[in-house]
Amino acid sequence: MKKYLLVILSLFLIGTTIFAVPAGNNKSKILVVYFSLPEGSDPNNLNKEGENSTVVINGKVLGNTEYMAKIIQENTGADIYRIVPKIPYDISNHRNLTNFAKEEQKNNARPEIAGKIVDVSKYDTIFVGYPIWWADMPMILYTFFDSVDLSGKTVIPFGTHGGSGFAGTVETIKELEPKAKVSDNGRIISRNSIANSEKNIISWIESLGYKK
C-alpha cells in the first residue's frame, strides 16, 4: 500500500513540475510602441533643432522618445515596435516640418504607417511613446490607435516634450481606447533633461512593477 502511495505522490510531483509556469514568464507579454523623429543622424553635424530632438549615445544618434523606448525595452524585456510613416517626414527644415505637422493636425489627418502594424493581441501591457507636437500627439499616433484594439489591455503612455508636459494626451488616449486600462502613471520628460534621465526612467519602471 505504501508503494502505491509513493507512486501516486511521485506522479503528482512530476505533474506539478511539468505544468508549473516559470516566474517572470509574463515579460513576453509586454510591448513597447513608439514614434520618434530625430532631426539628424550625424552626431558631429547636428544643428540646434537636431540637438533638441536627439540623444547621442556612444556616437549613435537616437530620437528623444526612441531613447526612452530603448531604456524601457531593455529594463522590462519587452518586445518593441517603432511606428514609421509610409511617407517619411522632411526633417531637412525644422520650420517646414512643424508647419506640416500643424497642417496634419488641422486636417485631422491619419498618416499611413509603413509595413504591417504590430499584432497587439498577444500582449497584456503596452507602453506607448511619442513626442508632443503642437500640444498633442503626432497624428500618426491616431492612425495607430484607429488600427488596433486595446480592449482590456494596460496602456502606459510615455514621451518627451518641450515645455507642455503630456498636454492632455493621456485623456485623449482614454477617449480613443475606452475599453483599455490607460495608466495615469505615465512618464513625460523634457527634451532639456532627457539625456540624463536613464536612472529616472528605470526608477519609474520599477515603481510600476515591470522591472525585469
N, C-alpha and C. Protein backbone atom coordinates (compact mmCIF):
# COMPACT_ATOMS: atom_id res chain seq x y z
N MET A 1 0.84 -1.21 0.00
CA MET A 1 0.00 0.00 0.00
C MET A 1 0.87 1.25 0.00
N LYS A 2 1.97 1.21 0.80
CA LYS A 2 2.87 2.36 0.85
C LYS A 2 3.50 2.61 -0.50
N LYS A 3 3.81 1.49 -1.23
CA LYS A 3 4.43 1.64 -2.54
C LYS A 3 3.49 2.38 -3.48
N TYR A 4 2.20 2.03 -3.43
CA TYR A 4 1.21 2.68 -4.29
C TYR A 4 1.12 4.17 -3.97
N LEU A 5 1.15 4.49 -2.68
CA LEU A 5 1.09 5.90 -2.27
C LEU A 5 2.31 6.68 -2.76
N LEU A 6 3.48 6.03 -2.69
CA LEU A 6 4.70 6.69 -3.16
C LEU A 6 4.65 6.94 -4.66
N VAL A 7 4.11 5.98 -5.40
CA VAL A 7 3.98 6.12 -6.85
C VAL A 7 3.05 7.28 -7.19
N ILE A 8 1.91 7.33 -6.51
CA ILE A 8 0.93 8.39 -6.75
C ILE A 8 1.53 9.75 -6.42
N LEU A 9 2.27 9.83 -5.28
CA LEU A 9 2.89 11.08 -4.87
C LEU A 9 3.94 11.52 -5.90
N SER A 10 4.71 10.56 -6.40
CA SER A 10 5.75 10.87 -7.39
C SER A 10 5.14 11.41 -8.66
N LEU A 11 4.05 10.78 -9.10
CA LEU A 11 3.37 11.23 -10.31
C LEU A 11 2.81 12.64 -10.13
N PHE A 12 2.29 12.91 -8.94
CA PHE A 12 1.75 14.24 -8.64
C PHE A 12 2.84 15.29 -8.72
N LEU A 13 4.01 14.99 -8.13
CA LEU A 13 5.11 15.94 -8.13
C LEU A 13 5.64 16.18 -9.53
N ILE A 14 5.72 15.13 -10.34
CA ILE A 14 6.15 15.26 -11.74
C ILE A 14 5.19 16.15 -12.50
N GLY A 15 3.89 15.89 -12.28
CA GLY A 15 2.87 16.69 -12.96
C GLY A 15 2.95 18.15 -12.57
N THR A 16 3.22 18.37 -11.29
CA THR A 16 3.32 19.75 -10.81
C THR A 16 4.51 20.46 -11.47
N THR A 17 5.62 19.72 -11.62
CA THR A 17 6.81 20.30 -12.24
C THR A 17 6.56 20.62 -13.70
N ILE A 18 5.89 19.74 -14.42
CA ILE A 18 5.64 19.91 -15.84
C ILE A 18 4.77 21.12 -16.10
N PHE A 19 3.75 21.29 -15.29
CA PHE A 19 2.75 22.32 -15.58
C PHE A 19 2.99 23.63 -14.84
N ALA A 20 4.05 23.72 -14.06
CA ALA A 20 4.34 24.97 -13.36
C ALA A 20 4.72 26.04 -14.38
N VAL A 21 4.28 27.29 -14.13
CA VAL A 21 4.63 28.41 -15.00
C VAL A 21 5.80 29.15 -14.39
N PRO A 22 6.92 29.27 -15.10
CA PRO A 22 8.10 29.93 -14.54
C PRO A 22 7.81 31.37 -14.15
N ALA A 23 8.38 31.82 -13.04
CA ALA A 23 8.20 33.21 -12.61
C ALA A 23 8.80 34.14 -13.65
N GLY A 24 8.13 35.25 -13.90
CA GLY A 24 8.64 36.23 -14.85
C GLY A 24 8.27 35.92 -16.29
N ASN A 25 7.52 34.86 -16.54
CA ASN A 25 7.16 34.48 -17.90
C ASN A 25 6.26 35.51 -18.56
N ASN A 26 5.59 36.36 -17.77
CA ASN A 26 4.70 37.37 -18.32
C ASN A 26 5.45 38.49 -19.02
N LYS A 27 6.79 38.54 -18.90
CA LYS A 27 7.56 39.60 -19.53
C LYS A 27 7.39 39.57 -21.04
N SER A 28 7.14 38.41 -21.61
CA SER A 28 6.98 38.31 -23.06
C SER A 28 5.67 38.94 -23.51
N LYS A 29 4.81 39.33 -22.55
CA LYS A 29 3.52 39.90 -22.91
C LYS A 29 3.52 41.43 -22.84
N ILE A 30 4.70 42.00 -22.75
CA ILE A 30 4.84 43.46 -22.72
C ILE A 30 5.34 43.94 -24.07
N LEU A 31 4.77 45.03 -24.54
CA LEU A 31 5.18 45.61 -25.82
C LEU A 31 5.46 47.10 -25.64
N VAL A 32 6.53 47.56 -26.24
CA VAL A 32 6.82 49.00 -26.29
C VAL A 32 6.58 49.48 -27.72
N VAL A 33 5.65 50.40 -27.86
CA VAL A 33 5.34 51.01 -29.16
C VAL A 33 5.75 52.47 -29.09
N TYR A 34 6.45 52.95 -30.12
CA TYR A 34 6.85 54.36 -30.05
C TYR A 34 6.99 54.98 -31.44
N PHE A 35 6.84 56.31 -31.46
CA PHE A 35 7.12 57.12 -32.63
C PHE A 35 8.15 58.16 -32.22
N SER A 36 9.21 58.28 -33.01
CA SER A 36 10.26 59.24 -32.69
C SER A 36 10.82 59.79 -33.99
N LEU A 37 11.13 61.08 -34.01
CA LEU A 37 11.61 61.69 -35.24
C LEU A 37 12.82 62.59 -34.95
N PRO A 38 14.01 61.97 -34.85
CA PRO A 38 15.21 62.78 -34.64
C PRO A 38 15.52 63.61 -35.89
N GLU A 39 15.85 64.87 -35.68
CA GLU A 39 16.15 65.75 -36.81
C GLU A 39 17.66 65.78 -37.06
N GLY A 40 18.15 64.63 -37.51
CA GLY A 40 19.58 64.50 -37.79
C GLY A 40 20.07 63.11 -37.45
N SER A 41 21.16 62.70 -38.09
CA SER A 41 21.71 61.36 -37.84
C SER A 41 23.22 61.38 -37.65
N ASP A 42 23.84 62.50 -37.94
CA ASP A 42 25.29 62.63 -37.81
C ASP A 42 25.60 63.32 -36.48
N PRO A 43 26.18 62.60 -35.53
CA PRO A 43 26.44 63.19 -34.21
C PRO A 43 27.40 64.38 -34.25
N ASN A 44 28.16 64.49 -35.32
CA ASN A 44 29.12 65.58 -35.44
C ASN A 44 28.59 66.77 -36.23
N ASN A 45 27.34 66.66 -36.68
CA ASN A 45 26.77 67.72 -37.51
C ASN A 45 25.30 67.93 -37.19
N LEU A 46 25.01 68.19 -35.93
CA LEU A 46 23.63 68.43 -35.51
C LEU A 46 23.43 69.92 -35.29
N ASN A 47 22.38 70.46 -35.90
CA ASN A 47 22.05 71.86 -35.64
C ASN A 47 21.27 71.96 -34.33
N LYS A 48 20.79 73.14 -34.00
CA LYS A 48 20.11 73.33 -32.72
C LYS A 48 18.89 72.42 -32.59
N GLU A 49 18.08 72.34 -33.64
CA GLU A 49 16.87 71.51 -33.58
C GLU A 49 17.25 70.03 -33.52
N GLY A 50 18.34 69.68 -34.18
CA GLY A 50 18.81 68.31 -34.09
C GLY A 50 19.22 67.95 -32.68
N GLU A 51 19.92 68.86 -32.03
CA GLU A 51 20.32 68.63 -30.63
C GLU A 51 19.11 68.55 -29.71
N ASN A 52 18.09 69.35 -29.99
CA ASN A 52 16.88 69.34 -29.16
C ASN A 52 16.08 68.05 -29.30
N SER A 53 16.20 67.38 -30.44
CA SER A 53 15.35 66.22 -30.71
C SER A 53 16.08 64.89 -30.59
N THR A 54 17.34 64.92 -30.16
CA THR A 54 18.14 63.70 -30.14
C THR A 54 18.92 63.52 -28.85
N VAL A 55 19.36 62.27 -28.66
CA VAL A 55 20.31 61.92 -27.61
C VAL A 55 21.42 61.13 -28.30
N VAL A 56 22.66 61.48 -28.06
CA VAL A 56 23.79 60.78 -28.67
C VAL A 56 24.40 59.84 -27.63
N ILE A 57 24.36 58.54 -27.93
CA ILE A 57 24.89 57.53 -27.03
C ILE A 57 25.97 56.74 -27.76
N ASN A 58 27.20 56.80 -27.27
CA ASN A 58 28.32 56.10 -27.89
C ASN A 58 28.42 56.38 -29.39
N GLY A 59 28.21 57.64 -29.75
CA GLY A 59 28.33 58.04 -31.14
C GLY A 59 27.12 57.75 -32.00
N LYS A 60 26.08 57.15 -31.41
CA LYS A 60 24.86 56.85 -32.16
C LYS A 60 23.76 57.84 -31.80
N VAL A 61 23.09 58.36 -32.83
CA VAL A 61 22.04 59.34 -32.62
C VAL A 61 20.69 58.65 -32.45
N LEU A 62 20.02 58.90 -31.34
CA LEU A 62 18.68 58.37 -31.09
C LEU A 62 17.72 59.54 -30.91
N GLY A 63 16.49 59.37 -31.37
CA GLY A 63 15.47 60.36 -31.09
C GLY A 63 15.17 60.36 -29.59
N ASN A 64 14.71 61.48 -29.08
CA ASN A 64 14.43 61.58 -27.64
C ASN A 64 13.50 60.47 -27.15
N THR A 65 12.39 60.30 -27.85
CA THR A 65 11.41 59.28 -27.45
C THR A 65 11.96 57.88 -27.72
N GLU A 66 12.74 57.74 -28.78
CA GLU A 66 13.40 56.46 -29.07
C GLU A 66 14.31 56.07 -27.92
N TYR A 67 15.03 57.03 -27.38
CA TYR A 67 15.93 56.77 -26.25
C TYR A 67 15.14 56.23 -25.06
N MET A 68 14.01 56.86 -24.76
CA MET A 68 13.16 56.37 -23.67
C MET A 68 12.68 54.96 -23.95
N ALA A 69 12.24 54.73 -25.20
CA ALA A 69 11.70 53.42 -25.58
C ALA A 69 12.74 52.32 -25.40
N LYS A 70 13.98 52.60 -25.77
CA LYS A 70 15.05 51.61 -25.65
C LYS A 70 15.32 51.27 -24.19
N ILE A 71 15.31 52.28 -23.34
CA ILE A 71 15.55 52.02 -21.91
C ILE A 71 14.41 51.18 -21.33
N ILE A 72 13.18 51.50 -21.70
CA ILE A 72 12.02 50.73 -21.21
C ILE A 72 12.13 49.29 -21.68
N GLN A 73 12.44 49.10 -22.96
CA GLN A 73 12.55 47.75 -23.52
C GLN A 73 13.65 46.94 -22.83
N GLU A 74 14.80 47.57 -22.64
CA GLU A 74 15.93 46.87 -22.03
C GLU A 74 15.65 46.48 -20.58
N ASN A 75 14.87 47.26 -19.88
CA ASN A 75 14.65 47.02 -18.46
C ASN A 75 13.37 46.25 -18.15
N THR A 76 12.57 45.97 -19.16
CA THR A 76 11.36 45.17 -18.97
C THR A 76 11.43 43.84 -19.72
N GLY A 77 12.35 43.74 -20.69
CA GLY A 77 12.40 42.55 -21.52
C GLY A 77 11.28 42.50 -22.52
N ALA A 78 10.67 43.65 -22.81
CA ALA A 78 9.51 43.72 -23.71
C ALA A 78 9.93 43.58 -25.17
N ASP A 79 8.96 43.28 -26.01
CA ASP A 79 9.14 43.41 -27.45
C ASP A 79 9.02 44.90 -27.78
N ILE A 80 9.51 45.30 -28.94
CA ILE A 80 9.48 46.72 -29.28
C ILE A 80 9.06 46.90 -30.74
N TYR A 81 8.28 47.95 -30.99
CA TYR A 81 7.78 48.24 -32.33
C TYR A 81 7.83 49.74 -32.56
N ARG A 82 8.47 50.14 -33.63
CA ARG A 82 8.57 51.56 -33.96
C ARG A 82 7.53 51.92 -35.02
N ILE A 83 6.76 52.95 -34.78
CA ILE A 83 5.80 53.45 -35.76
C ILE A 83 6.57 54.29 -36.77
N VAL A 84 6.51 53.86 -38.03
CA VAL A 84 7.24 54.55 -39.09
C VAL A 84 6.25 54.99 -40.15
N PRO A 85 6.24 56.26 -40.54
CA PRO A 85 5.30 56.71 -41.58
C PRO A 85 5.66 56.16 -42.96
N LYS A 86 4.66 55.81 -43.72
CA LYS A 86 4.91 55.30 -45.07
C LYS A 86 5.56 56.37 -45.93
N ILE A 87 5.10 57.60 -45.79
CA ILE A 87 5.73 58.74 -46.46
C ILE A 87 6.57 59.46 -45.41
N PRO A 88 7.89 59.40 -45.52
CA PRO A 88 8.75 60.00 -44.49
C PRO A 88 8.54 61.50 -44.35
N TYR A 89 8.66 61.98 -43.12
CA TYR A 89 8.61 63.41 -42.89
C TYR A 89 9.93 64.05 -43.37
N ASP A 90 9.83 65.26 -43.88
CA ASP A 90 11.01 66.01 -44.30
C ASP A 90 11.64 66.67 -43.08
N ILE A 91 12.80 66.17 -42.68
CA ILE A 91 13.46 66.71 -41.49
C ILE A 91 14.59 67.68 -41.85
N SER A 92 14.68 68.04 -43.12
CA SER A 92 15.77 68.92 -43.54
C SER A 92 15.54 70.37 -43.13
N ASN A 93 14.28 70.72 -42.84
CA ASN A 93 13.97 72.09 -42.45
C ASN A 93 12.95 72.06 -41.31
N HIS A 94 13.36 72.51 -40.14
CA HIS A 94 12.52 72.40 -38.95
C HIS A 94 11.21 73.17 -39.10
N ARG A 95 11.28 74.37 -39.65
CA ARG A 95 10.07 75.17 -39.80
C ARG A 95 9.07 74.47 -40.72
N ASN A 96 9.57 73.92 -41.82
CA ASN A 96 8.68 73.20 -42.74
C ASN A 96 8.05 71.98 -42.06
N LEU A 97 8.86 71.30 -41.25
CA LEU A 97 8.36 70.13 -40.54
C LEU A 97 7.25 70.51 -39.57
N THR A 98 7.47 71.54 -38.78
CA THR A 98 6.46 71.93 -37.81
C THR A 98 5.20 72.46 -38.48
N ASN A 99 5.38 73.16 -39.58
CA ASN A 99 4.21 73.64 -40.33
C ASN A 99 3.41 72.48 -40.89
N PHE A 100 4.12 71.47 -41.38
CA PHE A 100 3.45 70.29 -41.93
C PHE A 100 2.69 69.55 -40.83
N ALA A 101 3.32 69.42 -39.68
CA ALA A 101 2.67 68.75 -38.54
C ALA A 101 1.42 69.51 -38.11
N LYS A 102 1.50 70.84 -38.13
CA LYS A 102 0.35 71.66 -37.77
C LYS A 102 -0.78 71.47 -38.78
N GLU A 103 -0.44 71.36 -40.06
CA GLU A 103 -1.45 71.16 -41.10
C GLU A 103 -2.11 69.79 -40.94
N GLU A 104 -1.34 68.78 -40.61
CA GLU A 104 -1.90 67.45 -40.35
C GLU A 104 -2.91 67.52 -39.22
N GLN A 105 -2.54 68.22 -38.16
CA GLN A 105 -3.43 68.35 -37.01
C GLN A 105 -4.72 69.08 -37.39
N LYS A 106 -4.57 70.17 -38.14
CA LYS A 106 -5.72 70.96 -38.57
C LYS A 106 -6.69 70.12 -39.39
N ASN A 107 -6.15 69.23 -40.23
CA ASN A 107 -6.97 68.40 -41.12
C ASN A 107 -7.39 67.08 -40.48
N ASN A 108 -7.03 66.89 -39.20
CA ASN A 108 -7.33 65.63 -38.51
C ASN A 108 -6.85 64.44 -39.36
N ALA A 109 -5.65 64.57 -39.88
CA ALA A 109 -5.09 63.59 -40.81
C ALA A 109 -4.78 62.26 -40.12
N ARG A 110 -4.68 61.23 -40.92
CA ARG A 110 -4.28 59.90 -40.44
C ARG A 110 -3.15 59.40 -41.34
N PRO A 111 -1.92 59.86 -41.08
CA PRO A 111 -0.79 59.42 -41.91
C PRO A 111 -0.66 57.90 -41.91
N GLU A 112 -0.39 57.33 -43.08
CA GLU A 112 -0.31 55.87 -43.19
C GLU A 112 0.98 55.37 -42.56
N ILE A 113 0.87 54.24 -41.88
CA ILE A 113 2.02 53.61 -41.24
C ILE A 113 2.65 52.62 -42.22
N ALA A 114 3.97 52.65 -42.31
CA ALA A 114 4.68 51.75 -43.22
C ALA A 114 4.64 50.32 -42.71
N GLY A 115 4.49 49.38 -43.65
CA GLY A 115 4.54 47.96 -43.29
C GLY A 115 3.34 47.50 -42.50
N LYS A 116 3.46 46.30 -41.99
CA LYS A 116 2.37 45.70 -41.22
C LYS A 116 2.40 46.19 -39.78
N ILE A 117 1.27 46.64 -39.29
CA ILE A 117 1.18 47.11 -37.91
C ILE A 117 1.28 45.91 -36.96
N VAL A 118 2.00 46.08 -35.89
CA VAL A 118 2.23 45.00 -34.93
C VAL A 118 0.92 44.40 -34.45
N ASP A 119 0.93 43.08 -34.29
CA ASP A 119 -0.23 42.36 -33.73
C ASP A 119 -0.21 42.52 -32.22
N VAL A 120 -1.13 43.30 -31.70
CA VAL A 120 -1.14 43.60 -30.26
C VAL A 120 -1.90 42.56 -29.45
N SER A 121 -2.54 41.61 -30.12
CA SER A 121 -3.44 40.70 -29.42
C SER A 121 -2.75 39.83 -28.37
N LYS A 122 -1.45 39.58 -28.54
CA LYS A 122 -0.76 38.68 -27.61
C LYS A 122 -0.13 39.40 -26.42
N TYR A 123 -0.35 40.70 -26.32
CA TYR A 123 0.25 41.48 -25.24
C TYR A 123 -0.80 41.93 -24.23
N ASP A 124 -0.37 41.96 -22.96
CA ASP A 124 -1.25 42.43 -21.89
C ASP A 124 -0.99 43.89 -21.54
N THR A 125 0.27 44.28 -21.64
CA THR A 125 0.68 45.64 -21.28
C THR A 125 1.41 46.28 -22.45
N ILE A 126 1.01 47.51 -22.79
CA ILE A 126 1.62 48.20 -23.91
C ILE A 126 2.05 49.60 -23.49
N PHE A 127 3.35 49.84 -23.53
CA PHE A 127 3.89 51.18 -23.33
C PHE A 127 3.80 51.89 -24.68
N VAL A 128 3.23 53.09 -24.69
CA VAL A 128 3.07 53.84 -25.95
C VAL A 128 3.78 55.18 -25.81
N GLY A 129 4.78 55.41 -26.68
CA GLY A 129 5.60 56.61 -26.56
C GLY A 129 5.52 57.53 -27.77
N TYR A 130 5.63 58.82 -27.50
CA TYR A 130 5.52 59.83 -28.56
C TYR A 130 6.04 61.17 -28.07
N PRO A 131 6.51 62.02 -28.99
CA PRO A 131 6.81 63.40 -28.61
C PRO A 131 5.53 64.22 -28.64
N ILE A 132 5.52 65.33 -27.96
CA ILE A 132 4.38 66.23 -28.02
C ILE A 132 4.60 67.23 -29.15
N TRP A 133 3.67 67.25 -30.10
CA TRP A 133 3.70 68.19 -31.22
C TRP A 133 2.48 69.09 -31.13
N TRP A 134 2.69 70.39 -31.05
CA TRP A 134 1.57 71.33 -31.01
C TRP A 134 0.54 70.93 -29.95
N ALA A 135 1.04 70.64 -28.75
CA ALA A 135 0.19 70.30 -27.60
C ALA A 135 -0.69 69.09 -27.85
N ASP A 136 -0.18 68.13 -28.61
CA ASP A 136 -0.93 66.92 -28.91
C ASP A 136 0.04 65.81 -29.32
N MET A 137 -0.50 64.61 -29.49
CA MET A 137 0.29 63.54 -30.08
C MET A 137 0.45 63.82 -31.57
N PRO A 138 1.54 63.36 -32.19
CA PRO A 138 1.61 63.40 -33.65
C PRO A 138 0.43 62.62 -34.23
N MET A 139 -0.09 63.06 -35.35
CA MET A 139 -1.31 62.46 -35.89
C MET A 139 -1.15 60.99 -36.26
N ILE A 140 0.07 60.56 -36.50
CA ILE A 140 0.29 59.16 -36.82
C ILE A 140 -0.03 58.25 -35.63
N LEU A 141 -0.01 58.81 -34.40
CA LEU A 141 -0.44 58.03 -33.24
C LEU A 141 -1.93 57.75 -33.31
N TYR A 142 -2.68 58.70 -33.85
CA TYR A 142 -4.12 58.48 -34.04
C TYR A 142 -4.34 57.35 -35.04
N THR A 143 -3.51 57.30 -36.07
CA THR A 143 -3.58 56.19 -37.03
C THR A 143 -3.39 54.87 -36.31
N PHE A 144 -2.40 54.82 -35.43
CA PHE A 144 -2.13 53.59 -34.68
C PHE A 144 -3.32 53.19 -33.83
N PHE A 145 -3.85 54.12 -33.05
CA PHE A 145 -4.97 53.79 -32.17
C PHE A 145 -6.22 53.41 -32.97
N ASP A 146 -6.39 54.00 -34.14
CA ASP A 146 -7.52 53.63 -35.00
C ASP A 146 -7.37 52.21 -35.55
N SER A 147 -6.12 51.73 -35.61
CA SER A 147 -5.82 50.46 -36.30
C SER A 147 -5.76 49.26 -35.38
N VAL A 148 -5.77 49.47 -34.07
CA VAL A 148 -5.62 48.35 -33.13
C VAL A 148 -6.76 48.34 -32.12
N ASP A 149 -6.97 47.19 -31.52
CA ASP A 149 -7.96 47.05 -30.46
C ASP A 149 -7.22 46.78 -29.16
N LEU A 150 -7.24 47.73 -28.26
CA LEU A 150 -6.53 47.60 -27.00
C LEU A 150 -7.47 47.30 -25.83
N SER A 151 -8.64 46.80 -26.12
CA SER A 151 -9.62 46.47 -25.09
C SER A 151 -9.02 45.52 -24.05
N GLY A 152 -9.17 45.87 -22.78
CA GLY A 152 -8.71 45.01 -21.70
C GLY A 152 -7.23 45.08 -21.42
N LYS A 153 -6.48 45.81 -22.24
CA LYS A 153 -5.04 45.88 -22.06
C LYS A 153 -4.65 47.09 -21.21
N THR A 154 -3.52 46.98 -20.53
CA THR A 154 -2.99 48.11 -19.79
C THR A 154 -2.12 48.93 -20.73
N VAL A 155 -2.42 50.21 -20.84
CA VAL A 155 -1.68 51.11 -21.73
C VAL A 155 -0.96 52.14 -20.85
N ILE A 156 0.35 52.25 -21.04
CA ILE A 156 1.15 53.17 -20.24
C ILE A 156 1.82 54.19 -21.16
N PRO A 157 1.34 55.43 -21.15
CA PRO A 157 1.92 56.45 -22.02
C PRO A 157 3.29 56.92 -21.52
N PHE A 158 4.15 57.27 -22.45
CA PHE A 158 5.41 57.92 -22.11
C PHE A 158 5.83 58.80 -23.28
N GLY A 159 6.74 59.72 -23.02
CA GLY A 159 7.16 60.57 -24.13
C GLY A 159 8.04 61.72 -23.69
N THR A 160 8.25 62.63 -24.64
CA THR A 160 9.11 63.78 -24.42
C THR A 160 8.41 65.05 -24.87
N HIS A 161 8.81 66.17 -24.27
CA HIS A 161 8.13 67.43 -24.57
C HIS A 161 9.09 68.59 -24.51
N GLY A 162 8.65 69.73 -25.00
CA GLY A 162 9.47 70.92 -24.98
C GLY A 162 8.98 71.96 -24.01
N GLY A 163 8.06 71.58 -23.11
CA GLY A 163 7.56 72.51 -22.12
C GLY A 163 6.10 72.35 -21.77
N SER A 164 5.41 71.44 -22.46
CA SER A 164 3.96 71.31 -22.29
C SER A 164 3.53 70.11 -21.46
N GLY A 165 4.48 69.27 -21.02
CA GLY A 165 4.08 68.04 -20.33
C GLY A 165 3.28 67.15 -21.26
N PHE A 166 2.39 66.34 -20.70
CA PHE A 166 1.57 65.44 -21.52
C PHE A 166 0.52 66.18 -22.34
N ALA A 167 0.23 67.42 -21.97
CA ALA A 167 -0.69 68.27 -22.73
C ALA A 167 -2.06 67.62 -22.97
N GLY A 168 -2.52 66.86 -21.99
CA GLY A 168 -3.86 66.26 -22.11
C GLY A 168 -3.92 65.02 -22.96
N THR A 169 -2.79 64.51 -23.43
CA THR A 169 -2.82 63.36 -24.34
C THR A 169 -3.21 62.05 -23.65
N VAL A 170 -2.96 61.95 -22.34
CA VAL A 170 -3.38 60.73 -21.63
C VAL A 170 -4.90 60.63 -21.67
N GLU A 171 -5.58 61.75 -21.45
CA GLU A 171 -7.05 61.76 -21.52
C GLU A 171 -7.52 61.45 -22.94
N THR A 172 -6.77 61.94 -23.92
CA THR A 172 -7.11 61.65 -25.32
C THR A 172 -7.05 60.16 -25.59
N ILE A 173 -6.00 59.51 -25.09
CA ILE A 173 -5.86 58.06 -25.29
C ILE A 173 -7.01 57.32 -24.62
N LYS A 174 -7.42 57.80 -23.46
CA LYS A 174 -8.57 57.17 -22.78
C LYS A 174 -9.83 57.27 -23.63
N GLU A 175 -9.99 58.39 -24.32
CA GLU A 175 -11.15 58.56 -25.20
C GLU A 175 -11.05 57.67 -26.43
N LEU A 176 -9.85 57.53 -26.96
CA LEU A 176 -9.66 56.70 -28.15
C LEU A 176 -9.75 55.21 -27.83
N GLU A 177 -9.36 54.84 -26.62
CA GLU A 177 -9.36 53.43 -26.21
C GLU A 177 -10.15 53.27 -24.91
N PRO A 178 -11.47 53.48 -24.97
CA PRO A 178 -12.29 53.48 -23.74
C PRO A 178 -12.33 52.14 -23.02
N LYS A 179 -12.01 51.05 -23.70
CA LYS A 179 -12.05 49.74 -23.06
C LYS A 179 -10.67 49.28 -22.58
N ALA A 180 -9.68 50.13 -22.75
CA ALA A 180 -8.34 49.82 -22.24
C ALA A 180 -8.17 50.41 -20.85
N LYS A 181 -7.17 49.92 -20.12
CA LYS A 181 -6.84 50.46 -18.81
C LYS A 181 -5.65 51.42 -18.99
N VAL A 182 -5.96 52.67 -19.25
CA VAL A 182 -4.92 53.65 -19.53
C VAL A 182 -4.37 54.21 -18.21
N SER A 183 -3.09 54.02 -17.99
CA SER A 183 -2.47 54.42 -16.72
C SER A 183 -2.34 55.93 -16.59
N ASP A 184 -2.57 56.41 -15.38
CA ASP A 184 -2.32 57.81 -15.06
C ASP A 184 -0.90 58.01 -14.56
N ASN A 185 -0.12 56.93 -14.54
CA ASN A 185 1.26 56.99 -14.03
C ASN A 185 2.28 56.89 -15.16
N GLY A 186 1.94 57.48 -16.31
CA GLY A 186 2.90 57.53 -17.40
C GLY A 186 4.05 58.46 -17.06
N ARG A 187 5.02 58.56 -17.98
CA ARG A 187 6.17 59.41 -17.72
C ARG A 187 6.49 60.26 -18.96
N ILE A 188 6.51 61.57 -18.75
CA ILE A 188 6.86 62.52 -19.81
C ILE A 188 8.07 63.30 -19.33
N ILE A 189 9.08 63.43 -20.19
CA ILE A 189 10.35 64.05 -19.79
C ILE A 189 10.70 65.17 -20.76
N SER A 190 11.18 66.26 -20.21
CA SER A 190 11.59 67.40 -21.02
C SER A 190 12.77 67.04 -21.91
N ARG A 191 12.76 67.56 -23.13
CA ARG A 191 13.89 67.33 -24.03
C ARG A 191 15.18 67.93 -23.45
N ASN A 192 15.06 68.89 -22.54
CA ASN A 192 16.23 69.52 -21.94
C ASN A 192 16.94 68.63 -20.93
N SER A 193 16.24 67.61 -20.43
CA SER A 193 16.86 66.74 -19.41
C SER A 193 16.87 65.27 -19.81
N ILE A 194 16.40 64.97 -21.02
CA ILE A 194 16.27 63.57 -21.44
C ILE A 194 17.60 62.83 -21.42
N ALA A 195 18.70 63.50 -21.78
CA ALA A 195 19.99 62.83 -21.87
C ALA A 195 20.49 62.32 -20.53
N ASN A 196 19.98 62.89 -19.43
CA ASN A 196 20.41 62.49 -18.09
C ASN A 196 19.31 61.78 -17.31
N SER A 197 18.39 61.17 -18.04
CA SER A 197 17.18 60.65 -17.39
C SER A 197 17.13 59.13 -17.22
N GLU A 198 18.21 58.45 -17.55
CA GLU A 198 18.15 56.98 -17.52
C GLU A 198 17.74 56.43 -16.15
N LYS A 199 18.37 56.91 -15.10
CA LYS A 199 18.04 56.43 -13.75
C LYS A 199 16.60 56.75 -13.40
N ASN A 200 16.15 57.93 -13.81
CA ASN A 200 14.77 58.35 -13.58
C ASN A 200 13.79 57.38 -14.24
N ILE A 201 14.08 57.02 -15.48
CA ILE A 201 13.21 56.12 -16.24
C ILE A 201 13.19 54.73 -15.61
N ILE A 202 14.36 54.25 -15.23
CA ILE A 202 14.44 52.92 -14.62
C ILE A 202 13.70 52.88 -13.29
N SER A 203 13.83 53.93 -12.50
CA SER A 203 13.10 54.01 -11.22
C SER A 203 11.60 54.01 -11.44
N TRP A 204 11.16 54.70 -12.48
CA TRP A 204 9.74 54.73 -12.83
C TRP A 204 9.25 53.33 -13.21
N ILE A 205 10.01 52.64 -14.06
CA ILE A 205 9.64 51.28 -14.47
C ILE A 205 9.52 50.38 -13.23
N GLU A 206 10.49 50.52 -12.33
CA GLU A 206 10.49 49.71 -11.11
C GLU A 206 9.27 50.01 -10.26
N SER A 207 8.90 51.30 -10.16
CA SER A 207 7.74 51.69 -9.35
C SER A 207 6.44 51.13 -9.91
N LEU A 208 6.41 50.89 -11.23
CA LEU A 208 5.22 50.31 -11.86
C LEU A 208 5.17 48.79 -11.71
N GLY A 209 6.30 48.20 -11.32
CA GLY A 209 6.34 46.75 -11.15
C GLY A 209 6.73 45.99 -12.39
N TYR A 210 7.34 46.67 -13.37
CA TYR A 210 7.70 46.00 -14.63
C TYR A 210 9.19 45.78 -14.80
N LYS A 211 9.99 46.11 -13.80
CA LYS A 211 11.44 45.92 -13.91
C LYS A 211 11.75 44.42 -13.92
N LYS A 212 12.49 43.99 -14.93
CA LYS A 212 12.78 42.55 -15.03
C LYS A 212 13.85 42.14 -14.02
